[in-house]
Amino acid sequence: MDLTPKEKRVVRRAVQAYRDKKESKGRYTGATPDQILEELDPSPARWTHLAALVIATVEEGQDAEVLATDPRLLGSR
């Protein structure tokens, strides 16, 4: 399963937004990861898989670069 180039860019931005929001002290005023993912207008199932990828990437301390062979992407289309 591959992410499209557009999905890769959006996921990278969502990962950064998630990190920023998590590290924020006080009120966070930037774009949320949810808002960023909504730019793709994905199906509910696809949105869920992309959101899970964003969360797993941050929580596992991984780089925002998403590879086609990433096991977190299996079965998400």
N, C-alpha and C. Protein backbone atom coordinates (compact mmCIF):
# COMPACT_ATOMS: atom_id res chain seq x y z
N MET A 1 0.86 -1.18 0.00
CA MET A 1 0.00 0.00 0.00
C MET A 1 0.89 1.23 0.00
N ASP A 2 0.59 2.14 -0.88
CA ASP A 2 1.38 3.37 -1.00
C ASP A 2 0.52 4.57 -0.66
N LEU A 3 1.19 5.58 -0.18
CA LEU A 3 0.55 6.89 -0.04
C LEU A 3 0.84 7.66 -1.32
N THR A 4 -0.11 8.45 -1.73
CA THR A 4 0.13 9.31 -2.88
C THR A 4 1.10 10.40 -2.46
N PRO A 5 1.74 11.06 -3.41
CA PRO A 5 2.64 12.16 -3.04
C PRO A 5 1.91 13.23 -2.21
N LYS A 6 0.67 13.53 -2.57
CA LYS A 6 -0.09 14.53 -1.81
C LYS A 6 -0.34 14.04 -0.39
N GLU A 7 -0.70 12.77 -0.24
CA GLU A 7 -0.92 12.22 1.10
C GLU A 7 0.35 12.27 1.94
N LYS A 8 1.49 11.96 1.31
CA LYS A 8 2.76 12.02 2.05
C LYS A 8 3.02 13.42 2.60
N ARG A 9 2.80 14.43 1.75
CA ARG A 9 3.02 15.82 2.20
C ARG A 9 2.07 16.18 3.34
N VAL A 10 0.82 15.79 3.21
CA VAL A 10 -0.17 16.12 4.23
C VAL A 10 0.13 15.37 5.52
N VAL A 11 0.52 14.11 5.44
CA VAL A 11 0.85 13.34 6.64
C VAL A 11 2.05 13.95 7.35
N ARG A 12 3.06 14.37 6.60
CA ARG A 12 4.23 15.02 7.22
C ARG A 12 3.81 16.28 7.98
N ARG A 13 2.94 17.09 7.37
CA ARG A 13 2.45 18.30 8.04
C ARG A 13 1.62 17.95 9.27
N ALA A 14 0.80 16.92 9.17
CA ALA A 14 -0.03 16.51 10.31
C ALA A 14 0.84 15.99 11.45
N VAL A 15 1.90 15.27 11.13
CA VAL A 15 2.83 14.78 12.16
C VAL A 15 3.46 15.98 12.88
N GLN A 16 3.91 16.96 12.12
CA GLN A 16 4.51 18.14 12.75
C GLN A 16 3.50 18.89 13.61
N ALA A 17 2.28 19.02 13.13
CA ALA A 17 1.23 19.68 13.91
C ALA A 17 0.93 18.91 15.19
N TYR A 18 0.92 17.59 15.12
CA TYR A 18 0.67 16.77 16.30
C TYR A 18 1.78 16.97 17.32
N ARG A 19 3.03 16.98 16.83
CA ARG A 19 4.17 17.22 17.73
C ARG A 19 4.09 18.60 18.37
N ASP A 20 3.77 19.61 17.56
CA ASP A 20 3.67 20.98 18.06
C ASP A 20 2.57 21.08 19.12
N LYS A 21 1.44 20.48 18.84
CA LYS A 21 0.31 20.54 19.78
C LYS A 21 0.66 19.82 21.08
N LYS A 22 1.34 18.69 20.96
CA LYS A 22 1.72 17.91 22.13
C LYS A 22 2.72 18.66 23.01
N GLU A 23 3.62 19.40 22.38
CA GLU A 23 4.66 20.12 23.11
C GLU A 23 4.21 21.50 23.58
N SER A 24 3.05 21.92 23.14
CA SER A 24 2.56 23.25 23.45
C SER A 24 2.26 23.40 24.94
N LYS A 25 2.72 24.49 25.48
CA LYS A 25 2.41 24.84 26.87
C LYS A 25 1.30 25.88 26.81
N GLY A 26 0.13 25.50 27.24
CA GLY A 26 -0.99 26.43 27.15
C GLY A 26 -1.84 26.17 25.93
N ARG A 27 -2.50 27.19 25.49
CA ARG A 27 -3.44 27.06 24.37
C ARG A 27 -2.70 26.93 23.05
N TYR A 28 -3.05 25.92 22.29
CA TYR A 28 -2.46 25.70 20.97
C TYR A 28 -3.33 26.39 19.92
N THR A 29 -2.73 27.23 19.10
CA THR A 29 -3.51 28.01 18.14
C THR A 29 -3.23 27.65 16.68
N GLY A 30 -2.36 26.68 16.45
CA GLY A 30 -2.05 26.30 15.07
C GLY A 30 -3.10 25.36 14.50
N ALA A 31 -2.90 25.00 13.24
CA ALA A 31 -3.79 24.03 12.59
C ALA A 31 -3.62 22.68 13.27
N THR A 32 -4.73 22.02 13.53
CA THR A 32 -4.67 20.71 14.19
C THR A 32 -4.39 19.63 13.15
N PRO A 33 -3.87 18.49 13.59
CA PRO A 33 -3.66 17.38 12.66
C PRO A 33 -4.97 16.98 11.96
N ASP A 34 -6.08 17.03 12.69
CA ASP A 34 -7.38 16.69 12.09
C ASP A 34 -7.70 17.63 10.93
N GLN A 35 -7.50 18.90 11.15
CA GLN A 35 -7.78 19.88 10.10
C GLN A 35 -6.89 19.65 8.88
N ILE A 36 -5.65 19.32 9.12
CA ILE A 36 -4.71 19.09 8.03
C ILE A 36 -5.12 17.85 7.23
N LEU A 37 -5.48 16.76 7.91
CA LEU A 37 -5.89 15.55 7.20
C LEU A 37 -7.17 15.77 6.40
N GLU A 38 -8.04 16.63 6.89
CA GLU A 38 -9.29 16.90 6.18
C GLU A 38 -9.06 17.56 4.82
N GLU A 39 -7.89 18.14 4.60
CA GLU A 39 -7.56 18.74 3.30
C GLU A 39 -7.63 17.70 2.19
N LEU A 40 -7.41 16.44 2.54
CA LEU A 40 -7.44 15.37 1.55
C LEU A 40 -8.85 14.92 1.19
N ASP A 41 -9.81 15.29 2.03
CA ASP A 41 -11.19 14.84 1.88
C ASP A 41 -11.26 13.32 1.73
N PRO A 42 -10.63 12.60 2.67
CA PRO A 42 -10.59 11.14 2.57
C PRO A 42 -11.90 10.50 3.02
N SER A 43 -12.07 9.24 2.66
CA SER A 43 -13.21 8.48 3.19
C SER A 43 -12.99 8.33 4.70
N PRO A 44 -14.03 8.04 5.46
CA PRO A 44 -13.85 7.87 6.91
C PRO A 44 -12.83 6.78 7.25
N ALA A 45 -12.83 5.69 6.50
CA ALA A 45 -11.87 4.62 6.78
C ALA A 45 -10.45 5.08 6.49
N ARG A 46 -10.26 5.76 5.38
CA ARG A 46 -8.92 6.25 5.02
C ARG A 46 -8.44 7.29 6.03
N TRP A 47 -9.33 8.18 6.45
CA TRP A 47 -8.98 9.20 7.44
C TRP A 47 -8.51 8.52 8.72
N THR A 48 -9.23 7.49 9.15
CA THR A 48 -8.87 6.76 10.38
C THR A 48 -7.47 6.17 10.26
N HIS A 49 -7.16 5.56 9.12
CA HIS A 49 -5.83 4.97 8.94
C HIS A 49 -4.74 6.03 8.90
N LEU A 50 -5.01 7.14 8.23
CA LEU A 50 -4.02 8.22 8.18
C LEU A 50 -3.80 8.82 9.57
N ALA A 51 -4.88 9.01 10.32
CA ALA A 51 -4.76 9.56 11.68
C ALA A 51 -3.97 8.60 12.56
N ALA A 52 -4.23 7.30 12.43
CA ALA A 52 -3.48 6.31 13.22
C ALA A 52 -2.01 6.35 12.86
N LEU A 53 -1.71 6.55 11.58
CA LEU A 53 -0.32 6.66 11.15
C LEU A 53 0.35 7.88 11.77
N VAL A 54 -0.34 9.00 11.76
CA VAL A 54 0.21 10.23 12.36
C VAL A 54 0.51 10.01 13.84
N ILE A 55 -0.45 9.46 14.57
CA ILE A 55 -0.28 9.24 16.01
C ILE A 55 0.85 8.25 16.26
N ALA A 56 0.87 7.14 15.54
CA ALA A 56 1.92 6.14 15.75
C ALA A 56 3.30 6.71 15.45
N THR A 57 3.39 7.51 14.40
CA THR A 57 4.68 8.12 14.04
C THR A 57 5.22 8.97 15.18
N VAL A 58 4.37 9.79 15.77
CA VAL A 58 4.81 10.67 16.85
C VAL A 58 5.08 9.87 18.12
N GLU A 59 4.16 9.01 18.49
CA GLU A 59 4.29 8.27 19.75
C GLU A 59 5.49 7.32 19.73
N GLU A 60 5.85 6.81 18.55
CA GLU A 60 7.00 5.91 18.44
C GLU A 60 8.29 6.69 18.21
N GLY A 61 8.20 8.01 18.14
CA GLY A 61 9.38 8.84 17.98
C GLY A 61 10.04 8.69 16.62
N GLN A 62 9.26 8.34 15.61
CA GLN A 62 9.82 8.14 14.29
C GLN A 62 9.80 9.42 13.48
N ASP A 63 10.57 9.37 12.40
CA ASP A 63 10.63 10.49 11.46
C ASP A 63 9.31 10.57 10.70
N ALA A 64 8.96 11.73 10.23
CA ALA A 64 7.71 11.92 9.51
C ALA A 64 7.75 11.35 8.10
N GLU A 65 8.91 10.92 7.64
CA GLU A 65 9.02 10.32 6.31
C GLU A 65 8.29 8.99 6.32
N VAL A 66 7.32 8.84 5.44
CA VAL A 66 6.51 7.64 5.37
C VAL A 66 6.93 6.85 4.14
N LEU A 67 7.34 5.62 4.37
CA LEU A 67 7.79 4.78 3.27
C LEU A 67 6.68 3.84 2.82
N ALA A 68 6.73 3.45 1.57
CA ALA A 68 5.70 2.55 1.03
C ALA A 68 5.70 1.21 1.76
N THR A 69 6.83 0.83 2.33
CA THR A 69 6.92 -0.45 3.01
C THR A 69 6.59 -0.35 4.50
N ASP A 70 6.16 0.79 4.95
CA ASP A 70 5.85 1.00 6.36
C ASP A 70 4.75 0.03 6.79
N PRO A 71 5.02 -0.83 7.76
CA PRO A 71 4.02 -1.83 8.17
C PRO A 71 2.75 -1.22 8.74
N ARG A 72 2.81 0.03 9.17
CA ARG A 72 1.61 0.68 9.71
C ARG A 72 0.59 1.00 8.62
N LEU A 73 1.02 0.90 7.36
CA LEU A 73 0.13 1.22 6.25
C LEU A 73 -0.57 0.00 5.65
N LEU A 74 -0.21 -1.17 6.07
CA LEU A 74 -0.78 -2.37 5.47
C LEU A 74 -2.28 -2.42 5.67
N GLY A 75 -2.97 -2.68 4.60
CA GLY A 75 -4.42 -2.85 4.67
C GLY A 75 -5.21 -1.59 4.89
N SER A 76 -4.63 -0.43 4.66
CA SER A 76 -5.37 0.80 4.96
C SER A 76 -6.05 1.40 3.74
N ARG A 77 -6.11 0.69 2.65
CA ARG A 77 -6.85 1.17 1.47
C ARG A 77 -7.89 0.20 1.08
